N, C-alpha and C. Protein backbone atom coordinates (compact mmCIF):
# COMPACT_ATOMS: atom_id res chain seq x y z
N UNK A 1 -35.57 35.58 50.79
CA UNK A 1 -36.46 34.54 51.31
C UNK A 1 -36.57 33.44 50.41
N UNK A 2 -36.18 32.27 50.85
CA UNK A 2 -36.23 31.07 50.01
C UNK A 2 -37.53 30.31 50.34
N UNK A 3 -37.67 29.26 49.59
CA UNK A 3 -38.81 28.41 49.74
C UNK A 3 -38.57 27.55 50.91
N UNK A 4 -39.60 27.03 51.63
CA UNK A 4 -39.44 25.99 52.70
C UNK A 4 -39.23 24.65 52.08
N UNK A 5 -38.82 23.71 52.92
CA UNK A 5 -38.55 22.31 52.46
C UNK A 5 -39.85 21.78 52.02
N UNK A 6 -39.82 20.99 50.96
CA UNK A 6 -40.97 20.25 50.39
C UNK A 6 -40.75 18.82 50.79
N UNK A 7 -41.84 18.22 51.33
CA UNK A 7 -41.84 16.92 51.66
C UNK A 7 -41.85 16.00 50.40
N UNK A 8 -40.87 15.18 50.17
CA UNK A 8 -40.83 14.39 48.97
C UNK A 8 -41.64 13.05 49.18
N UNK A 9 -42.63 13.02 48.30
CA UNK A 9 -43.58 11.77 48.33
C UNK A 9 -44.11 11.62 46.99
N UNK A 10 -44.66 10.43 46.69
CA UNK A 10 -45.14 10.21 45.29
C UNK A 10 -46.44 11.07 45.04
N UNK A 11 -46.52 11.61 43.98
CA UNK A 11 -47.73 12.38 43.63
C UNK A 11 -48.80 11.36 43.15
N UNK A 12 -49.83 11.28 43.91
CA UNK A 12 -50.87 10.29 43.73
C UNK A 12 -51.71 10.54 42.40
N UNK A 13 -52.06 11.79 42.05
CA UNK A 13 -52.77 12.05 40.93
C UNK A 13 -51.98 11.86 39.64
N UNK A 14 -52.37 10.88 38.73
CA UNK A 14 -51.51 10.49 37.62
C UNK A 14 -51.36 11.71 36.60
N UNK A 15 -52.25 12.59 36.52
CA UNK A 15 -52.09 13.79 35.59
C UNK A 15 -51.03 14.75 36.11
N UNK A 16 -51.30 15.01 37.36
CA UNK A 16 -50.34 15.88 38.09
C UNK A 16 -48.94 15.35 38.08
N UNK A 17 -48.80 14.06 38.31
CA UNK A 17 -47.48 13.36 38.34
C UNK A 17 -46.80 13.41 36.91
N UNK A 18 -47.58 13.22 35.83
CA UNK A 18 -47.01 13.28 34.44
C UNK A 18 -46.60 14.75 34.22
N UNK A 19 -47.30 15.72 34.57
CA UNK A 19 -46.95 17.09 34.29
C UNK A 19 -45.64 17.45 35.09
N UNK A 20 -45.62 17.07 36.36
CA UNK A 20 -44.36 17.27 37.03
C UNK A 20 -43.22 16.53 36.51
N UNK A 21 -43.41 15.37 36.13
CA UNK A 21 -42.31 14.65 35.42
C UNK A 21 -41.78 15.39 34.23
N UNK A 22 -42.74 15.80 33.35
CA UNK A 22 -42.28 16.46 32.09
C UNK A 22 -41.56 17.84 32.40
N UNK A 23 -42.06 18.52 33.34
CA UNK A 23 -41.42 19.82 33.69
C UNK A 23 -40.06 19.59 34.22
N UNK A 24 -39.86 18.64 35.24
CA UNK A 24 -38.60 18.37 35.83
C UNK A 24 -37.57 17.75 34.85
N UNK A 25 -38.13 16.92 33.95
CA UNK A 25 -37.29 16.20 33.00
C UNK A 25 -36.70 17.33 32.09
N UNK A 26 -37.48 18.28 31.64
CA UNK A 26 -36.97 19.40 30.84
C UNK A 26 -36.01 20.31 31.61
N UNK A 27 -36.25 20.52 32.78
CA UNK A 27 -35.42 21.27 33.60
C UNK A 27 -34.06 20.54 33.89
N UNK A 28 -34.04 19.23 34.09
CA UNK A 28 -32.86 18.52 34.18
C UNK A 28 -31.98 18.56 32.99
N UNK A 29 -32.76 18.45 31.78
CA UNK A 29 -31.92 18.48 30.49
C UNK A 29 -31.39 19.86 30.34
N UNK A 30 -32.08 20.87 30.74
CA UNK A 30 -31.56 22.33 30.64
C UNK A 30 -30.25 22.55 31.42
N UNK A 31 -30.38 22.06 32.73
CA UNK A 31 -29.22 22.17 33.53
C UNK A 31 -28.07 21.30 33.05
N UNK A 32 -28.27 20.19 32.53
CA UNK A 32 -27.26 19.34 31.94
C UNK A 32 -26.56 20.07 30.89
N UNK A 33 -27.39 20.66 29.96
CA UNK A 33 -26.81 21.45 28.86
C UNK A 33 -25.91 22.64 29.35
N UNK A 34 -26.48 23.35 30.44
CA UNK A 34 -25.63 24.46 30.99
C UNK A 34 -24.28 23.92 31.51
N UNK A 35 -24.35 22.88 32.31
CA UNK A 35 -23.15 22.34 32.76
C UNK A 35 -22.11 21.88 31.78
N UNK A 36 -22.70 21.29 30.70
CA UNK A 36 -21.80 20.90 29.57
C UNK A 36 -21.16 22.18 28.99
N UNK A 37 -21.83 23.16 28.71
CA UNK A 37 -21.32 24.36 28.10
C UNK A 37 -20.34 25.06 29.07
N UNK A 38 -20.86 25.36 30.36
CA UNK A 38 -19.93 26.16 31.26
C UNK A 38 -18.70 25.45 31.69
N UNK A 39 -18.77 24.19 31.83
CA UNK A 39 -17.58 23.42 32.43
C UNK A 39 -16.97 22.50 31.39
N UNK A 40 -17.38 22.51 30.12
CA UNK A 40 -16.79 21.69 29.15
C UNK A 40 -16.85 20.22 29.58
N UNK A 41 -18.00 19.79 30.17
CA UNK A 41 -18.38 18.47 30.60
C UNK A 41 -18.96 17.67 29.56
N UNK A 42 -18.68 16.32 29.54
CA UNK A 42 -19.34 15.41 28.67
C UNK A 42 -20.47 14.77 29.46
N UNK A 43 -21.73 14.97 29.05
CA UNK A 43 -22.81 14.57 29.81
C UNK A 43 -23.74 13.68 29.16
N UNK A 44 -24.20 12.66 29.71
CA UNK A 44 -25.36 11.78 29.20
C UNK A 44 -26.28 11.62 30.37
N UNK A 45 -27.60 11.88 30.08
CA UNK A 45 -28.62 11.72 30.99
C UNK A 45 -29.64 10.84 30.39
N UNK A 46 -30.00 9.62 31.11
CA UNK A 46 -30.99 8.77 30.61
C UNK A 46 -32.05 8.65 31.73
N UNK A 47 -33.25 8.73 31.35
CA UNK A 47 -34.42 8.81 32.22
C UNK A 47 -35.57 7.85 31.72
N UNK A 48 -36.03 6.96 32.70
CA UNK A 48 -37.18 6.18 32.36
C UNK A 48 -38.34 6.65 33.13
N UNK A 49 -39.50 6.85 32.38
CA UNK A 49 -40.66 7.34 33.12
C UNK A 49 -41.32 6.24 33.72
N UNK A 50 -42.30 6.49 34.52
CA UNK A 50 -43.11 5.51 35.28
C UNK A 50 -43.80 4.43 34.28
N UNK A 51 -43.98 4.96 33.09
CA UNK A 51 -44.62 3.92 32.15
C UNK A 51 -43.54 3.24 31.31
N UNK A 52 -42.33 3.54 31.64
CA UNK A 52 -41.17 2.74 30.98
C UNK A 52 -40.64 3.33 29.71
N UNK A 53 -41.14 4.59 29.41
CA UNK A 53 -40.52 5.24 28.24
C UNK A 53 -39.21 5.87 28.56
N UNK A 54 -38.24 5.71 27.62
CA UNK A 54 -36.87 6.35 27.91
C UNK A 54 -36.86 7.75 27.19
N UNK A 55 -36.10 8.57 27.95
CA UNK A 55 -35.77 9.94 27.41
C UNK A 55 -34.28 10.05 27.69
N UNK A 56 -33.60 10.74 26.75
CA UNK A 56 -32.14 10.83 26.81
C UNK A 56 -31.71 12.24 26.29
N UNK A 57 -30.55 12.59 26.94
CA UNK A 57 -29.89 13.92 26.56
C UNK A 57 -28.43 13.58 26.57
N UNK A 58 -27.61 14.09 25.57
CA UNK A 58 -26.21 13.92 25.66
C UNK A 58 -25.60 15.19 24.97
N UNK A 59 -24.42 15.51 25.64
CA UNK A 59 -23.63 16.63 25.03
C UNK A 59 -22.19 16.19 25.20
N UNK A 60 -21.41 16.00 24.21
CA UNK A 60 -21.78 16.07 22.79
C UNK A 60 -22.69 14.78 22.51
N UNK A 61 -23.36 14.73 21.28
CA UNK A 61 -24.08 13.55 20.96
C UNK A 61 -23.25 12.38 20.79
N UNK A 62 -23.47 11.29 21.56
CA UNK A 62 -22.72 10.10 21.55
C UNK A 62 -23.65 8.97 21.21
N UNK A 63 -23.01 7.87 20.83
CA UNK A 63 -23.61 6.60 20.69
C UNK A 63 -23.72 5.97 22.17
N UNK A 64 -24.87 5.53 22.49
CA UNK A 64 -25.03 4.99 23.91
C UNK A 64 -24.03 3.85 24.29
N UNK A 65 -23.67 3.08 23.27
CA UNK A 65 -22.72 2.02 23.60
C UNK A 65 -21.30 2.58 24.01
N UNK A 66 -20.89 3.77 23.37
CA UNK A 66 -19.64 4.30 23.64
C UNK A 66 -19.69 4.90 25.02
N UNK A 67 -20.85 5.38 25.53
CA UNK A 67 -20.98 5.88 26.86
C UNK A 67 -20.82 4.80 27.88
N UNK A 68 -21.44 3.71 27.65
CA UNK A 68 -21.38 2.66 28.71
C UNK A 68 -19.90 2.02 28.71
N UNK A 69 -19.36 1.95 27.52
CA UNK A 69 -17.86 1.45 27.51
C UNK A 69 -17.08 2.37 28.37
N UNK A 70 -17.27 3.67 28.12
CA UNK A 70 -16.34 4.59 28.95
C UNK A 70 -16.67 4.56 30.34
N UNK A 71 -17.91 4.30 30.66
CA UNK A 71 -18.38 4.32 32.17
C UNK A 71 -17.69 3.06 32.77
N UNK A 72 -17.70 1.90 32.10
CA UNK A 72 -17.21 0.69 32.61
C UNK A 72 -15.71 0.72 32.92
N UNK A 73 -15.04 1.53 31.98
CA UNK A 73 -13.57 1.67 32.08
C UNK A 73 -13.06 2.70 33.08
N UNK A 74 -13.94 3.56 33.46
CA UNK A 74 -13.64 4.73 34.33
C UNK A 74 -13.33 4.19 35.67
N UNK A 75 -12.42 4.97 36.48
CA UNK A 75 -12.16 4.58 37.84
C UNK A 75 -13.46 4.89 38.65
N UNK A 76 -13.71 4.19 39.67
CA UNK A 76 -14.99 4.37 40.46
C UNK A 76 -14.90 5.69 41.23
N UNK A 77 -15.97 6.33 41.41
CA UNK A 77 -16.16 7.64 42.16
C UNK A 77 -16.74 7.25 43.54
N UNK A 78 -16.63 8.07 44.48
CA UNK A 78 -17.20 7.84 45.78
C UNK A 78 -18.30 8.81 46.09
N UNK A 79 -19.64 8.47 45.83
CA UNK A 79 -20.70 9.30 46.01
C UNK A 79 -21.04 9.32 47.49
N UNK A 80 -20.46 8.43 48.27
CA UNK A 80 -20.83 8.40 49.69
C UNK A 80 -20.10 9.61 50.40
N UNK A 81 -19.12 10.28 49.81
CA UNK A 81 -18.51 11.39 50.21
C UNK A 81 -19.37 12.62 50.07
N UNK A 82 -20.34 12.63 49.14
CA UNK A 82 -21.27 13.72 48.79
C UNK A 82 -22.41 13.57 49.67
N UNK A 83 -23.14 14.63 49.85
CA UNK A 83 -24.30 14.63 50.63
C UNK A 83 -25.56 14.39 49.67
N UNK A 84 -25.60 13.13 49.08
CA UNK A 84 -26.72 12.87 48.11
C UNK A 84 -27.64 11.95 48.86
N UNK A 85 -28.91 12.33 48.76
CA UNK A 85 -29.99 11.55 49.43
C UNK A 85 -31.01 11.13 48.54
């Protein structure tokens, strides 16, 4: 038995929104680490909170400039082929 679909909408209560952001941010970083280890992937995650604060994770630890240089030189990918909403 899985969970039902959750309606995605902004959390109005600022305290609840911050708690949810923190938990999901840490979950995303944990999954990123797992993907890097299991698949030998090079991962960089950059997140900006609603207040503008930046959080980042990278595996292996890179300088941000080298990440953007590599991104700009990489061939484009086609996200429209995936079912990302």
